[in-house]
Amino acid sequence: MNTQFMRSKRVPLSRFQKAGLTLIELLLVLGLVGVLAAIAMPMYANYRERINRSTAILDIKVIQALIADYAGSGGTFPATLAAVGNGGKLDPWGHAYQYVDLTSVKGHANARKDHKLNPINSDFDLYSMGKDGLTKPQLTQKDSLDDIVRARDGAFVGLASDFSP
């Protein structure tokens, strides 16, 4: 047998075998992607929550204008949001917007109140129950802090925890 022939028959490594990733390198890349995702997800959730709040604030301002137009033409506030063509509109969290006519006989008993238990509106209450879908009459209670409320007869529309009388 020719020994020179056997030495020259070495099989060269292919291009893919030279450029391949080891298991350790692959795990490092996956770990890095996991860390970046863990950092990005809370930031994205906060961004989505700010968008939902802004959308609810805008919706309440639009509904408030519809109610004002209704009252301007009829002289009284509507009994429900359906009367102004907004009965089925949901807030960004999937809950119905809440409306209470405070000029009716039963209105003041259901009025939203500040920390001193004073009503925050004199004409009507309009609010979203926020992300948790829970609410209480007093804005400073835990279930109401994430509500988006209309207060001071429309001069304030925003997060209940940001309202100060």
N, C-alpha and C. Protein backbone atom coordinates (compact mmCIF):
# COMPACT_ATOMS: atom_id res chain seq x y z
N MET A 1 0.81 -1.18 0.00
CA MET A 1 0.00 0.00 0.00
C MET A 1 0.86 1.24 0.00
N ASN A 2 0.38 2.23 -0.58
CA ASN A 2 1.12 3.48 -0.71
C ASN A 2 0.82 4.36 0.48
N THR A 3 1.82 4.65 1.34
CA THR A 3 1.62 5.45 2.54
C THR A 3 1.44 6.92 2.21
N GLN A 4 2.05 7.32 1.11
CA GLN A 4 1.89 8.72 0.71
C GLN A 4 0.44 9.01 0.34
N PHE A 5 -0.23 8.05 -0.27
CA PHE A 5 -1.62 8.22 -0.67
C PHE A 5 -2.52 8.35 0.56
N MET A 6 -2.25 7.59 1.60
CA MET A 6 -3.09 7.62 2.80
C MET A 6 -2.94 8.93 3.56
N ARG A 7 -1.76 9.51 3.53
CA ARG A 7 -1.59 10.79 4.22
C ARG A 7 -2.32 11.92 3.50
N SER A 8 -2.43 11.90 2.26
CA SER A 8 -3.06 12.97 1.53
C SER A 8 -4.58 12.83 1.48
N LYS A 9 -5.14 11.78 2.01
CA LYS A 9 -6.58 11.55 1.97
C LYS A 9 -7.32 12.14 3.16
N ARG A 10 -6.73 13.05 3.90
CA ARG A 10 -7.43 13.65 5.04
C ARG A 10 -8.65 14.41 4.53
N VAL A 11 -9.73 14.26 5.21
CA VAL A 11 -10.97 14.94 4.81
C VAL A 11 -10.99 16.31 5.48
N PRO A 12 -11.03 17.37 4.69
CA PRO A 12 -11.06 18.71 5.29
C PRO A 12 -12.41 18.98 5.95
N LEU A 13 -12.42 19.80 7.00
CA LEU A 13 -13.67 20.18 7.66
C LEU A 13 -14.47 21.07 6.73
N SER A 14 -15.77 20.86 6.73
CA SER A 14 -16.60 21.69 5.85
C SER A 14 -16.72 23.10 6.43
N ARG A 15 -17.23 23.97 5.63
CA ARG A 15 -17.39 25.37 6.03
C ARG A 15 -18.34 25.49 7.23
N PHE A 16 -19.37 24.66 7.28
CA PHE A 16 -20.34 24.73 8.37
C PHE A 16 -19.80 24.17 9.67
N GLN A 17 -18.96 23.19 9.58
CA GLN A 17 -18.38 22.62 10.78
C GLN A 17 -17.41 23.60 11.44
N LYS A 18 -16.75 24.41 10.67
CA LYS A 18 -15.82 25.40 11.23
C LYS A 18 -16.57 26.55 11.89
N ALA A 19 -17.72 26.96 11.33
CA ALA A 19 -18.44 28.14 11.81
C ALA A 19 -19.56 27.80 12.78
N GLY A 20 -19.71 26.62 13.24
CA GLY A 20 -20.81 26.21 14.10
C GLY A 20 -20.71 26.78 15.51
N LEU A 21 -21.88 26.79 16.21
CA LEU A 21 -21.93 27.25 17.60
C LEU A 21 -21.82 26.05 18.52
N THR A 22 -21.12 26.23 19.59
CA THR A 22 -21.08 25.17 20.60
C THR A 22 -22.32 25.29 21.46
N LEU A 23 -22.60 24.29 22.23
CA LEU A 23 -23.76 24.29 23.12
C LEU A 23 -23.65 25.42 24.14
N ILE A 24 -22.46 25.68 24.64
CA ILE A 24 -22.25 26.76 25.62
C ILE A 24 -22.57 28.11 24.99
N GLU A 25 -22.11 28.34 23.78
CA GLU A 25 -22.39 29.62 23.11
C GLU A 25 -23.89 29.79 22.87
N LEU A 26 -24.55 28.72 22.48
CA LEU A 26 -26.00 28.78 22.26
C LEU A 26 -26.74 29.10 23.55
N LEU A 27 -26.32 28.49 24.65
CA LEU A 27 -26.96 28.77 25.94
C LEU A 27 -26.71 30.20 26.39
N LEU A 28 -25.53 30.72 26.11
CA LEU A 28 -25.24 32.12 26.45
C LEU A 28 -26.13 33.08 25.66
N VAL A 29 -26.32 32.80 24.39
CA VAL A 29 -27.19 33.65 23.56
C VAL A 29 -28.63 33.58 24.06
N LEU A 30 -29.11 32.38 24.37
CA LEU A 30 -30.48 32.25 24.89
C LEU A 30 -30.64 32.95 26.24
N GLY A 31 -29.63 32.87 27.08
CA GLY A 31 -29.67 33.57 28.37
C GLY A 31 -29.72 35.07 28.19
N LEU A 32 -28.95 35.59 27.26
CA LEU A 32 -28.95 37.03 26.98
C LEU A 32 -30.31 37.48 26.45
N VAL A 33 -30.90 36.72 25.56
CA VAL A 33 -32.23 37.05 25.04
C VAL A 33 -33.25 37.02 26.17
N GLY A 34 -33.13 36.06 27.07
CA GLY A 34 -34.05 35.97 28.21
C GLY A 34 -33.94 37.18 29.13
N VAL A 35 -32.73 37.63 29.39
CA VAL A 35 -32.52 38.80 30.26
C VAL A 35 -33.11 40.05 29.59
N LEU A 36 -32.87 40.21 28.30
CA LEU A 36 -33.41 41.37 27.59
C LEU A 36 -34.94 41.34 27.58
N ALA A 37 -35.52 40.17 27.41
CA ALA A 37 -36.98 40.05 27.43
C ALA A 37 -37.53 40.37 28.83
N ALA A 38 -36.83 39.93 29.87
CA ALA A 38 -37.27 40.20 31.24
C ALA A 38 -37.24 41.70 31.55
N ILE A 39 -36.33 42.42 30.93
CA ILE A 39 -36.26 43.86 31.11
C ILE A 39 -37.33 44.57 30.28
N ALA A 40 -37.56 44.09 29.06
CA ALA A 40 -38.47 44.77 28.13
C ALA A 40 -39.94 44.56 28.46
N MET A 41 -40.32 43.42 28.98
CA MET A 41 -41.74 43.13 29.20
C MET A 41 -42.40 44.09 30.19
N PRO A 42 -41.83 44.39 31.35
CA PRO A 42 -42.48 45.36 32.23
C PRO A 42 -42.57 46.76 31.61
N MET A 43 -41.56 47.12 30.85
CA MET A 43 -41.60 48.44 30.19
C MET A 43 -42.73 48.47 29.17
N TYR A 44 -42.93 47.39 28.45
CA TYR A 44 -44.02 47.33 27.47
C TYR A 44 -45.38 47.35 28.18
N ALA A 45 -45.49 46.63 29.29
CA ALA A 45 -46.75 46.62 30.04
C ALA A 45 -47.09 48.02 30.56
N ASN A 46 -46.10 48.75 31.05
CA ASN A 46 -46.33 50.13 31.50
C ASN A 46 -46.75 51.03 30.34
N TYR A 47 -46.13 50.84 29.19
CA TYR A 47 -46.48 51.60 28.00
C TYR A 47 -47.94 51.33 27.60
N ARG A 48 -48.35 50.06 27.58
CA ARG A 48 -49.73 49.72 27.24
C ARG A 48 -50.71 50.32 28.25
N GLU A 49 -50.35 50.32 29.52
CA GLU A 49 -51.23 50.87 30.55
C GLU A 49 -51.41 52.38 30.36
N ARG A 50 -50.33 53.08 30.03
CA ARG A 50 -50.44 54.53 29.76
C ARG A 50 -51.33 54.79 28.55
N ILE A 51 -51.22 53.96 27.52
CA ILE A 51 -52.08 54.12 26.34
C ILE A 51 -53.54 53.88 26.72
N ASN A 52 -53.81 52.83 27.51
CA ASN A 52 -55.19 52.55 27.92
C ASN A 52 -55.76 53.70 28.74
N ARG A 53 -54.98 54.27 29.63
CA ARG A 53 -55.46 55.42 30.42
C ARG A 53 -55.76 56.62 29.53
N SER A 54 -54.87 56.89 28.59
CA SER A 54 -55.09 58.01 27.67
C SER A 54 -56.34 57.80 26.83
N THR A 55 -56.56 56.58 26.39
CA THR A 55 -57.76 56.27 25.61
C THR A 55 -59.01 56.47 26.44
N ALA A 56 -59.01 56.02 27.69
CA ALA A 56 -60.17 56.19 28.56
C ALA A 56 -60.44 57.67 28.84
N ILE A 57 -59.40 58.44 29.04
CA ILE A 57 -59.56 59.89 29.28
C ILE A 57 -60.19 60.55 28.06
N LEU A 58 -59.71 60.20 26.88
CA LEU A 58 -60.27 60.77 25.65
C LEU A 58 -61.72 60.35 25.47
N ASP A 59 -62.02 59.07 25.72
CA ASP A 59 -63.40 58.60 25.60
C ASP A 59 -64.33 59.35 26.55
N ILE A 60 -63.89 59.56 27.78
CA ILE A 60 -64.73 60.27 28.76
C ILE A 60 -64.97 61.71 28.32
N LYS A 61 -63.96 62.35 27.75
CA LYS A 61 -64.14 63.72 27.25
C LYS A 61 -65.15 63.76 26.11
N VAL A 62 -65.10 62.76 25.23
CA VAL A 62 -66.06 62.70 24.12
C VAL A 62 -67.46 62.44 24.64
N ILE A 63 -67.62 61.50 25.55
CA ILE A 63 -68.93 61.19 26.12
C ILE A 63 -69.47 62.40 26.87
N GLN A 64 -68.61 63.09 27.59
CA GLN A 64 -69.00 64.30 28.31
C GLN A 64 -69.57 65.34 27.34
N ALA A 65 -68.94 65.50 26.18
CA ALA A 65 -69.44 66.45 25.18
C ALA A 65 -70.79 65.99 24.63
N LEU A 66 -70.96 64.68 24.41
CA LEU A 66 -72.25 64.17 23.95
C LEU A 66 -73.35 64.43 24.97
N ILE A 67 -73.03 64.25 26.25
CA ILE A 67 -74.01 64.50 27.32
C ILE A 67 -74.36 65.99 27.38
N ALA A 68 -73.36 66.85 27.22
CA ALA A 68 -73.61 68.30 27.24
C ALA A 68 -74.50 68.71 26.06
N ASP A 69 -74.26 68.13 24.89
CA ASP A 69 -75.12 68.42 23.73
C ASP A 69 -76.55 67.96 23.98
N TYR A 70 -76.70 66.78 24.56
CA TYR A 70 -78.02 66.25 24.86
C TYR A 70 -78.74 67.16 25.85
N ALA A 71 -78.04 67.56 26.90
CA ALA A 71 -78.65 68.43 27.91
C ALA A 71 -78.96 69.81 27.33
N GLY A 72 -78.11 70.28 26.43
CA GLY A 72 -78.35 71.58 25.81
C GLY A 72 -79.59 71.60 24.93
N SER A 73 -79.84 70.48 24.27
CA SER A 73 -81.01 70.43 23.38
C SER A 73 -82.29 70.05 24.11
N GLY A 74 -82.18 69.24 25.16
CA GLY A 74 -83.39 68.78 25.85
C GLY A 74 -83.62 69.42 27.20
N GLY A 75 -82.63 70.07 27.75
CA GLY A 75 -82.79 70.72 29.04
C GLY A 75 -82.51 69.84 30.24
N THR A 76 -82.44 68.54 30.04
CA THR A 76 -82.14 67.62 31.14
C THR A 76 -81.02 66.68 30.71
N PHE A 77 -80.40 66.06 31.70
CA PHE A 77 -79.36 65.08 31.42
C PHE A 77 -80.00 63.75 31.04
N PRO A 78 -79.35 62.96 30.22
CA PRO A 78 -79.93 61.67 29.84
C PRO A 78 -79.99 60.72 31.03
N ALA A 79 -80.90 59.77 30.96
CA ALA A 79 -81.03 58.78 32.04
C ALA A 79 -79.90 57.75 31.95
N THR A 80 -79.49 57.42 30.74
CA THR A 80 -78.42 56.44 30.54
C THR A 80 -77.52 56.92 29.40
N LEU A 81 -76.37 56.26 29.24
CA LEU A 81 -75.47 56.59 28.14
C LEU A 81 -76.05 56.17 26.79
N ALA A 82 -76.96 55.22 26.80
CA ALA A 82 -77.60 54.79 25.55
C ALA A 82 -78.37 55.93 24.91
N ALA A 83 -78.88 56.85 25.72
CA ALA A 83 -79.64 57.98 25.19
C ALA A 83 -78.78 58.92 24.35
N VAL A 84 -77.48 58.94 24.58
CA VAL A 84 -76.59 59.80 23.80
C VAL A 84 -75.84 58.99 22.73
N GLY A 85 -76.27 57.75 22.53
CA GLY A 85 -75.67 56.92 21.49
C GLY A 85 -74.37 56.27 21.89
N ASN A 86 -74.13 56.13 23.19
CA ASN A 86 -72.87 55.55 23.65
C ASN A 86 -73.09 54.44 24.66
N GLY A 87 -74.21 53.77 24.57
CA GLY A 87 -74.56 52.76 25.55
C GLY A 87 -73.69 51.52 25.54
N GLY A 88 -73.18 51.13 24.38
CA GLY A 88 -72.41 49.90 24.30
C GLY A 88 -70.91 50.09 24.30
N LYS A 89 -70.45 51.32 24.43
CA LYS A 89 -69.00 51.59 24.39
C LYS A 89 -68.33 51.06 25.64
N LEU A 90 -67.23 50.31 25.43
CA LEU A 90 -66.47 49.77 26.55
C LEU A 90 -65.18 50.54 26.71
N ASP A 91 -64.68 50.57 27.94
CA ASP A 91 -63.38 51.20 28.18
C ASP A 91 -62.27 50.28 27.66
N PRO A 92 -61.03 50.73 27.64
CA PRO A 92 -59.94 49.91 27.10
C PRO A 92 -59.72 48.58 27.82
N TRP A 93 -60.24 48.43 29.02
CA TRP A 93 -60.10 47.19 29.78
C TRP A 93 -61.30 46.27 29.61
N GLY A 94 -62.26 46.67 28.78
CA GLY A 94 -63.42 45.83 28.50
C GLY A 94 -64.61 46.00 29.42
N HIS A 95 -64.65 47.07 30.21
CA HIS A 95 -65.77 47.33 31.11
C HIS A 95 -66.59 48.50 30.56
N ALA A 96 -67.86 48.52 30.89
CA ALA A 96 -68.73 49.62 30.46
C ALA A 96 -68.39 50.89 31.23
N TYR A 97 -68.49 52.02 30.55
CA TYR A 97 -68.34 53.31 31.24
C TYR A 97 -69.53 53.50 32.17
N GLN A 98 -69.28 54.11 33.32
CA GLN A 98 -70.31 54.31 34.33
C GLN A 98 -70.80 55.76 34.30
N TYR A 99 -72.11 55.92 34.38
CA TYR A 99 -72.73 57.24 34.31
C TYR A 99 -73.81 57.33 35.38
N VAL A 100 -73.81 58.44 36.13
CA VAL A 100 -74.84 58.69 37.14
C VAL A 100 -75.29 60.15 37.00
N ASP A 101 -76.58 60.34 36.75
CA ASP A 101 -77.16 61.68 36.68
C ASP A 101 -77.39 62.16 38.11
N LEU A 102 -76.64 63.17 38.54
CA LEU A 102 -76.73 63.65 39.92
C LEU A 102 -77.88 64.63 40.13
N THR A 103 -78.52 65.06 39.05
CA THR A 103 -79.64 66.00 39.19
C THR A 103 -80.94 65.26 39.50
N SER A 104 -80.94 63.93 39.37
CA SER A 104 -82.15 63.17 39.70
C SER A 104 -82.24 63.01 41.21
N VAL A 105 -83.37 62.53 41.68
CA VAL A 105 -83.62 62.40 43.11
C VAL A 105 -82.63 61.43 43.77
N LYS A 106 -82.33 60.31 43.10
CA LYS A 106 -81.45 59.29 43.68
C LYS A 106 -79.98 59.56 43.38
N GLY A 107 -79.69 60.59 42.64
CA GLY A 107 -78.34 60.82 42.16
C GLY A 107 -77.28 61.04 43.22
N HIS A 108 -77.54 61.86 44.20
CA HIS A 108 -76.50 62.21 45.18
C HIS A 108 -76.11 61.05 46.08
N ALA A 109 -76.97 60.08 46.24
CA ALA A 109 -76.61 58.91 47.06
C ALA A 109 -75.54 58.08 46.35
N ASN A 110 -75.53 58.10 45.03
CA ASN A 110 -74.57 57.32 44.25
C ASN A 110 -73.39 58.15 43.76
N ALA A 111 -73.27 59.37 44.22
CA ALA A 111 -72.22 60.27 43.73
C ALA A 111 -70.84 59.80 44.16
N ARG A 112 -69.86 60.01 43.29
CA ARG A 112 -68.46 59.75 43.64
C ARG A 112 -68.01 60.86 44.58
N LYS A 113 -67.15 60.51 45.55
CA LYS A 113 -66.77 61.47 46.58
C LYS A 113 -65.26 61.54 46.73
N ASP A 114 -64.78 62.71 47.20
CA ASP A 114 -63.34 62.88 47.45
C ASP A 114 -63.01 62.33 48.84
N HIS A 115 -61.82 62.59 49.31
CA HIS A 115 -61.39 62.03 50.60
C HIS A 115 -62.15 62.60 51.79
N LYS A 116 -62.79 63.76 51.62
CA LYS A 116 -63.60 64.34 52.69
C LYS A 116 -65.08 64.00 52.54
N LEU A 117 -65.38 63.08 51.62
CA LEU A 117 -66.74 62.63 51.33
C LEU A 117 -67.61 63.72 50.70
N ASN A 118 -66.99 64.68 50.04
CA ASN A 118 -67.73 65.68 49.27
C ASN A 118 -67.88 65.17 47.84
N PRO A 119 -69.06 65.37 47.23
CA PRO A 119 -69.23 64.94 45.83
C PRO A 119 -68.22 65.66 44.92
N ILE A 120 -67.68 64.94 43.94
CA ILE A 120 -66.68 65.53 43.05
C ILE A 120 -67.32 66.23 41.85
N ASN A 121 -68.62 66.02 41.65
CA ASN A 121 -69.36 66.68 40.57
C ASN A 121 -70.71 67.13 41.11
N SER A 122 -71.30 68.12 40.45
CA SER A 122 -72.64 68.54 40.84
C SER A 122 -73.68 68.20 39.77
N ASP A 123 -73.23 67.90 38.55
CA ASP A 123 -74.17 67.61 37.48
C ASP A 123 -74.29 66.11 37.18
N PHE A 124 -73.19 65.45 36.84
CA PHE A 124 -73.23 64.01 36.59
C PHE A 124 -71.84 63.42 36.81
N ASP A 125 -71.82 62.17 37.18
CA ASP A 125 -70.57 61.42 37.30
C ASP A 125 -70.40 60.57 36.05
N LEU A 126 -69.18 60.52 35.56
CA LEU A 126 -68.84 59.70 34.41
C LEU A 126 -67.45 59.16 34.67
N TYR A 127 -67.30 57.84 34.62
CA TYR A 127 -66.00 57.27 34.94
C TYR A 127 -65.84 55.87 34.36
N SER A 128 -64.59 55.44 34.31
CA SER A 128 -64.22 54.08 33.96
C SER A 128 -63.73 53.41 35.24
N MET A 129 -64.04 52.15 35.41
CA MET A 129 -63.63 51.44 36.62
C MET A 129 -62.16 51.00 36.57
N GLY A 130 -61.45 51.35 35.55
CA GLY A 130 -60.02 51.08 35.47
C GLY A 130 -59.68 49.64 35.18
N LYS A 131 -58.42 49.35 35.31
CA LYS A 131 -57.89 48.03 34.94
C LYS A 131 -58.50 46.89 35.76
N ASP A 132 -58.68 47.10 37.07
CA ASP A 132 -59.17 46.01 37.92
C ASP A 132 -60.68 45.80 37.83
N GLY A 133 -61.41 46.76 37.26
CA GLY A 133 -62.86 46.62 37.12
C GLY A 133 -63.62 46.78 38.42
N LEU A 134 -62.94 47.25 39.47
CA LEU A 134 -63.57 47.44 40.77
C LEU A 134 -63.61 48.92 41.10
N THR A 135 -64.62 49.32 41.85
CA THR A 135 -64.73 50.72 42.23
C THR A 135 -65.49 50.85 43.54
N LYS A 136 -65.26 51.94 44.20
CA LYS A 136 -65.98 52.32 45.42
C LYS A 136 -66.37 53.79 45.26
N PRO A 137 -67.38 54.26 46.01
CA PRO A 137 -67.81 55.66 45.85
C PRO A 137 -66.71 56.68 46.19
N GLN A 138 -65.90 56.38 47.18
CA GLN A 138 -64.86 57.33 47.57
C GLN A 138 -63.59 57.08 46.74
N LEU A 139 -63.06 58.13 46.13
CA LEU A 139 -61.91 57.99 45.23
C LEU A 139 -60.65 57.50 45.91
N THR A 140 -60.50 57.74 47.20
CA THR A 140 -59.27 57.37 47.89
C THR A 140 -59.27 55.92 48.36
N GLN A 141 -60.35 55.19 48.15
CA GLN A 141 -60.36 53.78 48.53
C GLN A 141 -59.55 52.97 47.52
N LYS A 142 -58.98 51.87 47.97
CA LYS A 142 -58.06 51.07 47.16
C LYS A 142 -58.66 50.66 45.81
N ASP A 143 -59.91 50.23 45.79
CA ASP A 143 -60.54 49.78 44.55
C ASP A 143 -60.78 50.90 43.56
N SER A 144 -60.72 52.15 44.00
CA SER A 144 -61.01 53.28 43.12
C SER A 144 -59.76 54.01 42.62
N LEU A 145 -58.61 53.70 43.13
CA LEU A 145 -57.40 54.45 42.78
C LEU A 145 -57.04 54.37 41.30
N ASP A 146 -57.39 53.26 40.62
CA ASP A 146 -57.06 53.13 39.20
C ASP A 146 -58.20 53.57 38.29
N ASP A 147 -59.29 54.09 38.84
CA ASP A 147 -60.41 54.56 38.03
C ASP A 147 -60.01 55.82 37.25
N ILE A 148 -60.59 55.97 36.08
CA ILE A 148 -60.45 57.20 35.30
C ILE A 148 -61.75 57.97 35.52
N VAL A 149 -61.66 59.15 36.14
CA VAL A 149 -62.86 59.87 36.57
C VAL A 149 -62.96 61.25 35.93
N ARG A 150 -64.19 61.71 35.88
CA ARG A 150 -64.50 63.10 35.53
C ARG A 150 -64.84 63.77 36.84
N ALA A 151 -64.19 64.91 37.13
CA ALA A 151 -64.42 65.60 38.41
C ALA A 151 -64.49 67.10 38.17
N ARG A 152 -64.92 67.82 39.21
CA ARG A 152 -65.08 69.28 39.14
C ARG A 152 -65.92 69.69 37.93
N ASP A 153 -66.99 68.96 37.71
CA ASP A 153 -67.92 69.21 36.60
C ASP A 153 -67.21 69.26 35.25
N GLY A 154 -66.24 68.41 35.09
CA GLY A 154 -65.55 68.28 33.80
C GLY A 154 -64.22 69.00 33.71
N ALA A 155 -63.85 69.77 34.71
CA ALA A 155 -62.57 70.48 34.68
C ALA A 155 -61.40 69.52 34.84
N PHE A 156 -61.63 68.36 35.45
CA PHE A 156 -60.59 67.35 35.61
C PHE A 156 -61.10 66.04 35.04
N VAL A 157 -60.31 65.44 34.17
CA VAL A 157 -60.56 64.07 33.71
C VAL A 157 -59.22 63.37 33.77
N GLY A 158 -59.16 62.34 34.61
CA GLY A 158 -57.89 61.63 34.76
C GLY A 158 -57.97 60.53 35.78
N LEU A 159 -56.80 60.06 36.18
CA LEU A 159 -56.68 58.97 37.14
C LEU A 159 -57.16 59.45 38.52
N ALA A 160 -57.97 58.63 39.17
CA ALA A 160 -58.54 59.01 40.48
C ALA A 160 -57.45 59.28 41.50
N SER A 161 -56.35 58.55 41.45
CA SER A 161 -55.27 58.78 42.41
C SER A 161 -54.57 60.11 42.17
N ASP A 162 -54.74 60.72 41.01
CA ASP A 162 -54.14 62.02 40.71
C ASP A 162 -55.06 63.19 41.07
N PHE A 163 -56.31 62.90 41.43
CA PHE A 163 -57.28 63.96 41.74
C PHE A 163 -57.05 64.50 43.13
N SER A 164 -57.01 65.82 43.22
CA SER A 164 -56.98 66.47 44.53
C SER A 164 -58.00 67.59 44.50
N PRO A 165 -58.87 67.65 45.51
CA PRO A 165 -59.95 68.66 45.52
C PRO A 165 -59.45 70.08 45.65
